[in-house]
N, C-alpha and C. Protein backbone atom coordinates (compact mmCIF):
# COMPACT_ATOMS: atom_id res chain seq x y z
N ALA A 1 -75.41 29.67 -91.52
CA ALA A 1 -74.37 30.20 -92.00
C ALA A 1 -73.09 28.89 -91.40
N PHE A 2 -73.21 28.77 -90.10
CA PHE A 2 -72.40 27.92 -89.23
C PHE A 2 -72.41 26.66 -90.09
N SER A 3 -73.79 25.96 -90.61
CA SER A 3 -73.36 24.48 -90.94
C SER A 3 -72.86 24.56 -92.67
N LEU A 4 -72.85 25.70 -93.22
CA LEU A 4 -72.56 25.71 -94.69
C LEU A 4 -71.14 26.35 -94.29
N TRP A 5 -70.48 27.14 -93.26
CA TRP A 5 -69.29 27.02 -93.57
C TRP A 5 -68.40 25.92 -92.89
N ILE A 6 -69.27 24.87 -92.12
CA ILE A 6 -68.43 23.63 -91.81
C ILE A 6 -68.31 22.79 -92.90
N GLU A 7 -69.67 22.80 -93.94
CA GLU A 7 -69.59 22.04 -94.84
C GLU A 7 -68.62 22.10 -96.19
N GLY A 8 -68.36 24.17 -96.30
CA GLY A 8 -67.50 24.16 -96.81
C GLY A 8 -65.76 23.80 -96.75
N LEU A 9 -65.73 23.91 -95.23
CA LEU A 9 -64.28 23.59 -94.88
C LEU A 9 -64.05 22.46 -94.97
N SER A 10 -65.14 21.18 -94.82
CA SER A 10 -65.00 20.15 -94.66
C SER A 10 -64.87 19.41 -96.40
N LEU A 11 -65.31 20.19 -97.22
CA LEU A 11 -65.22 20.08 -98.77
C LEU A 11 -64.00 20.30 -99.34
N THR A 12 -63.37 21.34 -98.64
CA THR A 12 -61.75 21.79 -99.45
C THR A 12 -60.56 20.97 -98.84
N ARG A 13 -61.09 20.30 -97.65
CA ARG A 13 -59.60 18.99 -97.04
C ARG A 13 -60.18 18.16 -97.75
N LEU A 14 -60.79 17.99 -98.55
CA LEU A 14 -61.51 16.48 -99.29
C LEU A 14 -61.19 16.18 -100.54
N VAL A 15 -61.23 17.49 -100.84
CA VAL A 15 -61.58 17.71 -102.67
C VAL A 15 -60.30 18.04 -103.20
N PRO A 16 -59.57 17.40 -104.26
CA PRO A 16 -58.02 17.02 -104.37
C PRO A 16 -57.90 18.23 -105.15
N HIS A 17 -57.36 19.47 -105.10
CA HIS A 17 -57.16 20.46 -105.80
C HIS A 17 -56.39 20.50 -107.12
N GLN A 18 -57.55 20.50 -108.04
CA GLN A 18 -56.44 20.17 -109.14
C GLN A 18 -56.78 21.77 -109.87
N GLY A 19 -56.29 23.11 -109.53
CA GLY A 19 -56.44 24.27 -110.52
C GLY A 19 -57.99 24.41 -110.38
N ALA A 20 -58.26 23.66 -109.68
CA ALA A 20 -60.33 24.07 -109.40
C ALA A 20 -60.65 25.57 -109.21
N GLY A 21 -59.93 26.17 -108.05
CA GLY A 21 -59.75 27.43 -107.22
C GLY A 21 -60.86 27.20 -106.71
N LEU A 22 -61.10 26.09 -105.68
CA LEU A 22 -62.59 25.77 -104.41
C LEU A 22 -61.51 25.81 -103.69
N ASP A 23 -62.64 26.98 -103.09
CA ASP A 23 -62.28 27.46 -101.88
C ASP A 23 -63.48 27.50 -100.69
N VAL A 24 -63.21 27.71 -99.05
CA VAL A 24 -64.27 27.57 -98.54
C VAL A 24 -65.60 28.51 -99.21
N TRP A 25 -65.55 29.33 -99.90
CA TRP A 25 -66.95 29.68 -99.94
C TRP A 25 -67.30 29.09 -101.31
N ILE A 26 -66.59 29.14 -102.03
CA ILE A 26 -67.40 28.05 -103.25
C ILE A 26 -67.95 27.03 -102.69
N CYS A 27 -67.05 25.90 -102.05
CA CYS A 27 -67.56 24.75 -101.39
C CYS A 27 -69.04 25.22 -100.75
N ALA A 28 -68.84 25.99 -100.05
CA ALA A 28 -70.06 26.11 -99.14
C ALA A 28 -71.78 26.94 -99.86
N ARG A 29 -71.10 27.61 -101.39
CA ARG A 29 -72.21 27.44 -102.22
C ARG A 29 -72.29 26.20 -103.41
N ILE A 30 -71.75 25.66 -103.28
CA ILE A 30 -71.93 23.96 -103.79
C ILE A 30 -72.50 23.43 -103.10
N LYS A 31 -72.63 23.11 -101.52
CA LYS A 31 -73.15 22.91 -101.16
C LYS A 31 -74.59 23.61 -100.63
N ALA A 32 -74.76 25.18 -100.51
CA ALA A 32 -76.44 25.49 -100.75
C ALA A 32 -77.01 25.06 -101.81
N ALA A 33 -76.41 24.79 -103.06
CA ALA A 33 -77.10 24.61 -104.23
C ALA A 33 -77.67 22.84 -103.44
N SER A 34 -77.45 22.32 -102.80
CA SER A 34 -77.71 20.77 -102.76
C SER A 34 -78.79 20.51 -101.72
N TYR A 35 -79.18 21.83 -101.29
CA TYR A 35 -79.72 21.81 -99.89
C TYR A 35 -81.52 21.29 -100.28
N PRO A 36 -81.75 22.06 -101.46
CA PRO A 36 -83.30 22.47 -101.69
C PRO A 36 -83.56 20.28 -101.92
N LEU A 37 -82.44 19.91 -102.84
CA LEU A 37 -83.07 18.43 -103.37
C LEU A 37 -82.46 17.60 -101.88
N GLN A 38 -82.06 18.00 -101.17
CA GLN A 38 -81.70 16.98 -99.98
C GLN A 38 -82.77 17.43 -99.17
N LEU A 39 -83.67 18.27 -99.13
CA LEU A 39 -84.59 18.09 -98.30
C LEU A 39 -85.43 17.19 -98.89
N ILE A 40 -85.89 16.84 -100.12
CA ILE A 40 -86.81 16.08 -100.63
C ILE A 40 -86.12 14.64 -100.45
N HIS A 41 -84.81 14.59 -100.67
CA HIS A 41 -84.37 12.72 -99.88
C HIS A 41 -83.37 12.89 -100.02
N TYR A 42 -82.22 12.68 -98.83
CA TYR A 42 -81.10 12.25 -98.69
C TYR A 42 -80.41 12.43 -99.93
N GLY A 43 -80.27 11.11 -100.25
CA GLY A 43 -79.82 10.71 -101.46
C GLY A 43 -79.96 11.35 -102.64
N LEU A 44 -80.72 11.82 -102.97
CA LEU A 44 -80.81 12.59 -103.62
C LEU A 44 -79.73 13.98 -103.67
N GLY A 45 -80.25 14.76 -102.64
CA GLY A 45 -78.68 15.70 -102.33
C GLY A 45 -77.44 15.89 -102.84
N GLY A 46 -77.20 13.98 -101.90
CA GLY A 46 -75.86 13.89 -102.29
C GLY A 46 -75.86 13.29 -103.71
N GLY A 47 -76.32 12.97 -104.56
CA GLY A 47 -75.85 13.01 -106.02
C GLY A 47 -75.96 14.26 -106.73
N THR A 48 -76.61 15.14 -106.15
CA THR A 48 -76.68 16.34 -106.86
C THR A 48 -75.52 17.30 -106.09
N LEU A 49 -74.85 17.46 -105.06
CA LEU A 49 -73.59 17.70 -104.70
C LEU A 49 -72.60 16.72 -105.12
N ALA A 50 -72.16 15.73 -105.40
CA ALA A 50 -71.64 14.79 -106.00
C ALA A 50 -71.18 15.39 -107.74
N VAL A 51 -72.76 15.37 -107.93
CA VAL A 51 -72.26 15.98 -109.83
C VAL A 51 -72.10 17.82 -109.57
N LEU A 52 -72.08 18.75 -108.81
CA LEU A 52 -72.00 19.96 -108.55
C LEU A 52 -70.25 20.04 -108.39
N ILE A 53 -69.61 19.14 -107.79
CA ILE A 53 -68.31 18.81 -107.17
C ILE A 53 -67.46 18.26 -108.35
N ARG A 54 -67.81 17.30 -108.60
CA ARG A 54 -67.20 17.00 -110.61
C ARG A 54 -67.25 17.77 -111.28
N ARG A 55 -68.62 18.83 -111.66
CA ARG A 55 -68.30 19.86 -112.41
C ARG A 55 -67.43 21.11 -111.96
N ARG A 56 -67.45 21.15 -110.86
CA ARG A 56 -66.27 22.11 -110.49
C ARG A 56 -64.92 21.70 -110.86
N ALA A 57 -64.43 20.96 -109.94
CA ALA A 57 -63.10 20.30 -109.52
C ALA A 57 -62.77 19.50 -110.47
N GLY A 58 -63.77 19.06 -111.81
CA GLY A 58 -62.68 18.40 -112.47
C GLY A 58 -62.46 16.94 -112.34
N LEU A 59 -63.39 16.72 -111.72
CA LEU A 59 -62.99 14.71 -110.93
C LEU A 59 -63.87 13.57 -111.74
N THR A 60 -63.36 12.69 -111.51
CA THR A 60 -64.43 12.16 -112.16
C THR A 60 -66.01 12.12 -111.01
N LEU A 61 -67.18 11.03 -111.69
CA LEU A 61 -68.33 11.15 -110.49
C LEU A 61 -67.71 10.23 -109.40
N ALA A 62 -67.20 8.83 -109.70
CA ALA A 62 -66.76 8.47 -108.62
C ALA A 62 -66.16 9.03 -107.35
N ASP A 63 -64.87 9.71 -108.35
CA ASP A 63 -64.18 10.53 -107.32
C ASP A 63 -65.08 11.16 -106.17
N SER A 64 -66.13 12.04 -107.27
CA SER A 64 -66.60 13.10 -106.13
C SER A 64 -67.96 12.44 -105.20
N ALA A 65 -68.45 11.35 -105.95
CA ALA A 65 -69.13 10.72 -104.89
C ALA A 65 -68.47 10.11 -103.88
N GLY A 66 -67.28 9.59 -103.99
CA GLY A 66 -66.56 9.31 -102.74
C GLY A 66 -66.34 10.20 -102.04
N VAL A 67 -66.21 11.79 -101.74
CA VAL A 67 -65.94 12.41 -101.17
C VAL A 67 -66.96 12.94 -100.45
N VAL A 68 -68.41 12.85 -101.21
CA VAL A 68 -69.72 12.79 -100.39
C VAL A 68 -69.56 11.67 -100.03
N ILE A 69 -69.77 10.79 -99.69
CA ILE A 69 -69.74 9.76 -99.04
C ILE A 69 -68.89 9.75 -97.43
N THR A 70 -67.72 9.92 -98.09
CA THR A 70 -66.54 10.09 -96.74
C THR A 70 -67.44 11.17 -95.63
N ILE A 71 -67.88 12.11 -96.48
CA ILE A 71 -68.13 13.07 -95.54
C ILE A 71 -69.64 12.44 -94.56
N ALA A 72 -70.34 11.75 -95.29
CA ALA A 72 -71.80 10.94 -94.45
C ALA A 72 -71.43 9.90 -93.86
N LEU A 73 -69.97 9.29 -93.74
CA LEU A 73 -69.12 8.06 -93.20
C LEU A 73 -68.84 9.22 -91.70
N PHE A 74 -68.51 10.12 -91.67
CA PHE A 74 -67.55 11.21 -90.80
C PHE A 74 -69.11 11.42 -90.04
N ASP A 75 -69.96 11.83 -90.56
CA ASP A 75 -71.21 12.43 -90.12
C ASP A 75 -72.05 10.85 -88.69
N LEU A 76 -72.22 10.00 -89.69
CA LEU A 76 -72.74 9.21 -89.03
C LEU A 76 -71.42 8.51 -87.86
N ALA A 77 -70.64 8.68 -88.40
CA ALA A 77 -69.56 8.04 -87.09
C ALA A 77 -69.75 8.84 -85.76
N MET A 78 -69.71 10.41 -86.38
CA MET A 78 -69.63 11.71 -84.89
C MET A 78 -71.53 11.40 -84.50
N LEU A 79 -72.26 11.02 -85.38
CA LEU A 79 -73.57 10.45 -84.52
C LEU A 79 -73.44 9.90 -83.47
N MET A 80 -72.72 8.70 -83.77
CA MET A 80 -72.70 7.10 -82.84
C MET A 80 -72.06 8.08 -81.64
N VAL A 81 -70.80 8.95 -81.56
CA VAL A 81 -70.21 8.81 -80.85
C VAL A 81 -71.13 10.06 -79.97
N LEU A 82 -71.37 10.69 -80.64
CA LEU A 82 -72.64 11.82 -79.49
C LEU A 82 -73.77 11.17 -78.91
N ALA A 83 -74.38 9.85 -79.68
CA ALA A 83 -75.11 9.04 -79.11
C ALA A 83 -74.80 7.81 -78.20
N ALA A 84 -73.77 7.60 -78.05
CA ALA A 84 -73.14 7.34 -76.90
C ALA A 84 -72.97 7.75 -75.85
N LEU A 85 -72.28 9.07 -76.20
CA LEU A 85 -72.64 10.13 -74.80
C LEU A 85 -73.56 10.62 -74.02
N GLY A 86 -74.40 10.39 -74.90
CA GLY A 86 -76.04 10.81 -74.60
C GLY A 86 -76.46 9.86 -74.05
N ALA A 87 -76.25 8.36 -74.63
CA ALA A 87 -77.05 7.45 -73.72
C ALA A 87 -76.17 7.16 -72.40
N ALA A 88 -75.23 7.61 -72.13
CA ALA A 88 -73.85 7.57 -70.59
C ALA A 88 -75.03 8.76 -70.02
N LEU A 89 -76.02 9.39 -70.37
CA LEU A 89 -76.77 10.64 -69.65
C LEU A 89 -78.30 10.44 -69.42
N LEU A 90 -78.70 9.32 -69.74
CA LEU A 90 -80.27 8.71 -69.93
C LEU A 90 -80.82 8.62 -68.51
N ALA A 91 -81.59 10.06 -68.33
CA ALA A 91 -82.66 9.83 -67.38
C ALA A 91 -83.36 8.37 -66.98
N THR A 92 -84.00 8.32 -68.43
CA THR A 92 -84.53 6.92 -68.39
C THR A 92 -83.88 5.20 -68.58
N GLN A 93 -84.48 4.77 -68.45
CA GLN A 93 -83.41 3.27 -68.09
C GLN A 93 -83.89 2.22 -69.35
N ALA A 94 -84.77 2.79 -70.50
CA ALA A 94 -85.02 2.21 -71.64
C ALA A 94 -84.27 3.24 -73.25
N PRO A 95 -83.00 2.93 -73.22
CA PRO A 95 -82.16 3.85 -73.98
C PRO A 95 -82.66 3.33 -75.69
N ALA A 96 -83.04 5.22 -76.26
CA ALA A 96 -83.74 4.10 -78.08
C ALA A 96 -83.05 3.55 -79.19
N LEU A 97 -81.32 3.50 -78.41
CA LEU A 97 -80.43 3.54 -79.11
C LEU A 97 -79.34 2.40 -78.60
N ARG A 98 -79.62 0.66 -78.60
CA ARG A 98 -78.57 0.34 -77.66
C ARG A 98 -77.11 0.53 -77.51
N ALA A 99 -76.39 0.27 -76.72
CA ALA A 99 -74.95 0.43 -77.01
C ALA A 99 -73.81 -0.78 -77.72
N GLY A 100 -74.32 -1.53 -77.65
CA GLY A 100 -73.67 -2.20 -78.51
C GLY A 100 -74.22 -2.01 -80.08
N VAL A 101 -75.22 -2.20 -81.07
CA VAL A 101 -75.13 -1.50 -82.07
C VAL A 101 -74.32 -0.07 -82.45
N VAL A 102 -74.50 0.70 -81.47
CA VAL A 102 -73.74 2.03 -81.64
C VAL A 102 -72.01 1.52 -81.58
N THR A 103 -71.89 0.81 -80.31
CA THR A 103 -69.94 0.45 -80.79
C THR A 103 -69.77 0.06 -82.05
N ALA A 104 -70.94 -0.80 -82.64
CA ALA A 104 -70.42 -1.76 -83.75
C ALA A 104 -70.70 -0.94 -84.99
N VAL A 105 -71.32 0.16 -85.04
CA VAL A 105 -71.59 0.76 -86.49
C VAL A 105 -70.16 1.91 -85.73
N PHE A 106 -69.92 2.23 -84.97
CA PHE A 106 -68.21 3.12 -85.45
C PHE A 106 -67.30 1.93 -85.36
N ALA A 107 -67.76 0.64 -84.73
CA ALA A 107 -66.38 0.28 -84.65
C ALA A 107 -65.77 -0.08 -86.71
N GLY A 108 -67.20 -0.39 -87.13
CA GLY A 108 -67.36 -0.62 -88.23
C GLY A 108 -67.00 0.53 -89.34
N ILE A 109 -67.12 1.58 -88.93
CA ILE A 109 -66.47 2.83 -89.86
C ILE A 109 -65.42 3.20 -89.69
N ILE A 110 -64.53 3.07 -88.24
CA ILE A 110 -63.35 3.59 -88.08
C ILE A 110 -62.61 2.07 -88.50
N GLY A 111 -62.84 0.67 -88.16
CA GLY A 111 -61.89 -0.26 -89.28
C GLY A 111 -62.31 -0.50 -90.19
N GLY A 112 -63.34 0.10 -91.03
CA GLY A 112 -63.47 0.31 -92.66
C GLY A 112 -62.48 1.20 -93.12
N PHE A 113 -61.89 2.56 -92.68
CA PHE A 113 -61.22 3.11 -92.64
C PHE A 113 -59.75 3.17 -92.72
N LEU A 114 -59.14 2.23 -91.87
CA LEU A 114 -58.08 2.00 -91.22
C LEU A 114 -57.99 0.53 -92.63
N LEU A 115 -58.84 -0.40 -92.78
CA LEU A 115 -58.60 -1.22 -94.32
C LEU A 115 -58.46 -0.42 -95.48
N LEU A 116 -58.83 0.59 -95.52
CA LEU A 116 -58.99 1.47 -96.91
C LEU A 116 -57.14 1.75 -96.95
N ARG A 117 -56.86 2.38 -95.88
CA ARG A 117 -55.79 2.68 -95.81
C ARG A 117 -54.41 1.71 -95.48
N SER A 118 -54.96 0.87 -95.06
CA SER A 118 -53.81 0.40 -94.81
C SER A 118 -53.50 -0.25 -95.83
N PRO A 119 -51.54 -0.64 -95.81
CA PRO A 119 -51.12 -1.19 -96.91
C PRO A 119 -51.32 -2.54 -97.07
N VAL A 120 -51.80 -3.52 -96.21
CA VAL A 120 -51.77 -4.70 -95.57
C VAL A 120 -53.02 -5.32 -96.76
N SER A 121 -52.37 -6.74 -97.67
CA SER A 121 -52.73 -7.24 -98.55
C SER A 121 -54.62 -7.50 -98.43
N LEU A 122 -55.35 -7.63 -99.25
CA LEU A 122 -57.03 -7.78 -98.87
C LEU A 122 -57.44 -8.61 -99.40
N GLY A 123 -56.35 -9.46 -100.25
CA GLY A 123 -56.91 -10.56 -101.09
C GLY A 123 -57.58 -10.07 -102.45
N PRO A 124 -58.87 -11.11 -102.12
CA PRO A 124 -59.85 -11.05 -103.24
C PRO A 124 -60.51 -9.62 -103.09
N PHE A 125 -60.20 -8.94 -101.63
CA PHE A 125 -61.09 -7.56 -102.29
C PHE A 125 -60.31 -6.09 -101.75
N ALA A 126 -59.06 -6.53 -102.59
CA ALA A 126 -57.87 -5.69 -103.07
C ALA A 126 -58.79 -4.65 -104.02
N ARG A 127 -59.31 -4.96 -104.92
CA ARG A 127 -60.46 -4.61 -106.06
C ARG A 127 -59.97 -3.61 -105.75
N LEU A 128 -62.00 -4.11 -104.58
CA LEU A 128 -62.37 -3.40 -103.60
C LEU A 128 -61.38 -1.69 -103.24
N ARG A 129 -60.68 -2.10 -102.61
CA ARG A 129 -59.61 -0.64 -102.13
C ARG A 129 -59.56 0.01 -103.33
N SER A 130 -59.16 0.23 -104.59
CA SER A 130 -58.97 0.42 -105.43
C SER A 130 -59.91 1.26 -106.01
N LEU A 131 -61.11 1.02 -106.42
CA LEU A 131 -62.43 1.86 -106.27
C LEU A 131 -62.23 3.00 -106.20
N SER A 132 -62.35 3.96 -107.36
CA SER A 132 -61.80 5.57 -107.00
C SER A 132 -62.61 5.99 -106.10
N LEU A 133 -64.24 5.20 -105.39
CA LEU A 133 -65.04 5.56 -105.08
C LEU A 133 -64.46 6.17 -103.89
N PHE A 134 -63.35 4.98 -103.21
CA PHE A 134 -63.00 5.47 -101.88
C PHE A 134 -61.21 5.80 -102.28
N ARG A 135 -61.22 7.00 -103.10
CA ARG A 135 -59.89 7.80 -103.03
C ARG A 135 -59.61 8.79 -102.20
N ALA A 136 -61.31 8.93 -102.02
CA ALA A 136 -61.05 10.77 -100.69
C ALA A 136 -60.53 9.65 -99.53
N ILE A 137 -60.66 8.70 -99.06
CA ILE A 137 -60.68 8.05 -97.89
C ILE A 137 -59.24 7.56 -98.12
N ARG A 138 -59.01 6.92 -98.85
CA ARG A 138 -57.29 6.17 -99.20
C ARG A 138 -56.14 7.26 -99.08
N THR A 139 -56.70 8.42 -99.80
CA THR A 139 -55.23 9.47 -100.46
C THR A 139 -55.22 10.81 -100.10
N SER A 140 -56.50 10.98 -99.06
CA SER A 140 -56.51 12.23 -98.18
C SER A 140 -55.60 11.72 -96.80
N PRO A 141 -54.75 13.27 -96.75
CA PRO A 141 -53.54 13.48 -95.16
C PRO A 141 -54.32 12.62 -94.46
N LEU A 142 -53.96 12.32 -93.72
CA LEU A 142 -54.07 11.55 -92.24
C LEU A 142 -54.62 12.85 -91.44
N ARG A 143 -53.73 14.41 -91.50
CA ARG A 143 -54.11 15.55 -90.72
C ARG A 143 -55.68 16.16 -91.46
N ALA A 144 -55.60 15.96 -92.72
CA ALA A 144 -57.44 16.51 -93.21
C ALA A 144 -58.25 15.59 -93.11
N LEU A 145 -58.12 14.12 -92.76
CA LEU A 145 -59.10 13.37 -92.07
C LEU A 145 -59.75 13.79 -90.91
N VAL A 146 -58.43 13.62 -90.17
CA VAL A 146 -58.70 14.77 -88.93
C VAL A 146 -59.63 15.70 -88.41
N ALA A 147 -59.12 16.57 -89.36
CA ALA A 147 -59.89 17.78 -89.29
C ALA A 147 -61.19 17.77 -89.80
N VAL A 148 -61.85 16.80 -91.13
CA VAL A 148 -63.16 16.43 -90.95
C VAL A 148 -63.95 16.06 -90.47
N ALA A 149 -62.83 14.90 -89.27
CA ALA A 149 -63.70 14.62 -88.23
C ALA A 149 -63.92 15.79 -87.15
N GLY A 150 -63.17 16.72 -86.60
CA GLY A 150 -63.51 17.03 -86.00
C GLY A 150 -64.50 18.25 -86.31
N LEU A 151 -64.41 18.61 -87.30
CA LEU A 151 -65.48 19.60 -87.93
C LEU A 151 -67.18 18.93 -88.35
N ARG A 152 -67.23 17.63 -88.55
CA ARG A 152 -68.20 17.07 -88.44
C ARG A 152 -68.22 17.00 -87.43
N LEU A 153 -67.78 16.65 -86.26
CA LEU A 153 -68.74 16.71 -84.87
C LEU A 153 -69.35 18.07 -84.73
N ALA A 154 -68.55 18.88 -84.97
CA ALA A 154 -68.46 20.33 -84.80
C ALA A 154 -70.46 20.70 -85.50
N PHE A 155 -70.37 19.97 -86.41
CA PHE A 155 -71.60 20.02 -87.59
C PHE A 155 -72.62 19.29 -86.67
N VAL A 156 -72.69 18.28 -86.17
CA VAL A 156 -73.27 16.85 -85.92
C VAL A 156 -74.21 17.87 -84.55
N THR A 157 -73.16 18.18 -83.30
CA THR A 157 -73.05 18.82 -82.45
C THR A 157 -74.16 19.86 -82.75
N GLY A 158 -73.92 20.82 -83.83
CA GLY A 158 -74.78 21.83 -83.75
C GLY A 158 -76.03 21.90 -84.21
N PHE A 159 -76.13 20.81 -84.89
CA PHE A 159 -77.59 19.99 -85.44
C PHE A 159 -78.57 19.62 -84.44
N ILE A 160 -77.89 18.96 -83.71
CA ILE A 160 -78.62 18.49 -82.13
C ILE A 160 -78.58 19.72 -81.08
N ALA A 161 -78.17 20.81 -81.22
CA ALA A 161 -78.10 21.95 -80.25
C ALA A 161 -79.13 22.94 -80.96
N LEU A 162 -79.31 22.78 -82.56
CA LEU A 162 -80.66 23.73 -83.16
C LEU A 162 -81.87 22.74 -82.22
N GLY A 163 -81.99 21.42 -82.67
CA GLY A 163 -82.84 20.93 -82.30
C GLY A 163 -83.65 21.49 -80.35
N TRP A 164 -82.01 21.08 -79.37
CA TRP A 164 -82.26 21.74 -78.37
C TRP A 164 -83.22 22.52 -77.76
N SER A 165 -82.53 23.97 -78.62
CA SER A 165 -83.00 25.03 -78.48
C SER A 165 -84.17 25.84 -79.11
N LEU A 166 -84.75 24.42 -79.66
CA LEU A 166 -86.15 24.61 -80.73
C LEU A 166 -87.01 24.36 -79.50
N LEU A 167 -86.64 23.32 -78.60
CA LEU A 167 -87.04 22.46 -78.03
C LEU A 167 -87.25 23.48 -76.61
N THR A 168 -86.84 24.10 -75.98
CA THR A 168 -86.60 25.14 -75.03
C THR A 168 -87.25 26.14 -75.52
N ALA A 169 -87.22 26.55 -76.38
CA ALA A 169 -88.15 27.75 -76.98
C ALA A 169 -89.35 27.93 -77.00
N PHE A 170 -89.85 26.24 -76.82
CA PHE A 170 -91.59 26.35 -76.51
C PHE A 170 -91.53 25.42 -75.39
N ASP A 171 -90.56 25.87 -74.31
CA ASP A 171 -90.66 25.43 -72.96
C ASP A 171 -90.85 24.34 -72.70
N LEU A 172 -90.33 23.19 -74.04
CA LEU A 172 -90.53 21.62 -73.45
C LEU A 172 -89.11 21.09 -73.21
N ARG A 173 -89.16 20.79 -71.89
CA ARG A 173 -88.01 20.21 -70.83
C ARG A 173 -87.75 18.25 -71.12
N VAL A 174 -86.51 18.19 -71.78
CA VAL A 174 -86.42 16.93 -72.27
C VAL A 174 -85.09 16.69 -71.38
N PRO A 175 -84.82 15.35 -70.85
CA PRO A 175 -83.23 15.08 -70.01
C PRO A 175 -82.52 15.33 -71.66
N ILE A 176 -80.95 15.73 -71.21
CA ILE A 176 -80.45 15.94 -72.13
C ILE A 176 -80.03 14.72 -73.16
N GLY A 177 -79.58 13.36 -72.35
CA GLY A 177 -79.33 12.49 -72.20
C GLY A 177 -80.08 11.42 -73.48
N ASP A 178 -81.79 11.56 -72.47
CA ASP A 178 -82.97 11.27 -73.67
C ASP A 178 -82.70 11.72 -75.32
N PHE A 179 -82.40 13.19 -75.04
CA PHE A 179 -82.82 14.06 -76.29
C PHE A 179 -81.78 13.42 -76.90
N VAL A 180 -80.41 13.87 -76.62
CA VAL A 180 -79.06 13.21 -77.67
C VAL A 180 -79.40 11.91 -78.62
N VAL A 181 -80.23 10.53 -77.56
CA VAL A 181 -80.28 9.70 -77.74
C VAL A 181 -81.44 9.29 -78.96
N GLY A 182 -82.38 10.58 -78.48
CA GLY A 182 -83.80 10.04 -79.80
C GLY A 182 -83.46 10.79 -80.59
N PHE A 183 -82.64 11.77 -79.95
CA PHE A 183 -82.68 12.76 -81.64
C PHE A 183 -81.61 12.20 -82.66
N ALA A 184 -80.43 11.12 -82.33
CA ALA A 184 -79.42 10.40 -82.89
C ALA A 184 -80.64 9.09 -84.00
N ALA A 185 -81.53 8.73 -82.73
CA ALA A 185 -82.29 7.52 -83.36
C ALA A 185 -83.34 8.23 -84.47
N VAL A 186 -83.69 9.49 -84.49
CA VAL A 186 -84.37 10.14 -85.49
C VAL A 186 -83.27 10.39 -86.54
N ALA A 187 -82.33 10.95 -86.38
CA ALA A 187 -81.57 11.33 -87.47
C ALA A 187 -81.19 9.66 -88.33
N LEU A 188 -80.72 8.66 -87.56
CA LEU A 188 -80.46 7.63 -88.39
C LEU A 188 -81.74 7.12 -89.04
N VAL A 189 -82.60 7.30 -88.98
CA VAL A 189 -83.53 7.06 -89.44
C VAL A 189 -84.34 8.01 -90.83
């Protein structure tokens, strides 16, 4: 229920409301409908979510796919933030994720968001910025993007906490830093 609530809130902040009557409950149900296929393959679930958003909100497929990609990028960025925090708490000396890789991925995502939103000319890449696939990043209010970042941080933290609680339920003790970094490495695969 917690994850579906966050998914619904995230979708309502990024899907442009065009009289579709999308609320948190409807968006959570749309996300729930895509979960079974996402269990089979992440891309299949994301594609299903994009099609369901397109049908319900009346968006183009590229616009609805852009919403799904934006959320996935936020998830990746928040996973990198938590991996960096976990790396600071490592009990072992051999981190599963290197700090340089984590920093580069996070900086790349932030840099991409800034480039897509900036008025600076991108020269031959200007057409790339204008793709409707990036409309959610370009046109969503900054306040909505910050809210989605916070929601996705709560989502990823909840997902990691679920894994931690399962290990604890089976009386398996792993240092928190090692667990977070290892969990992030598995989630990236």
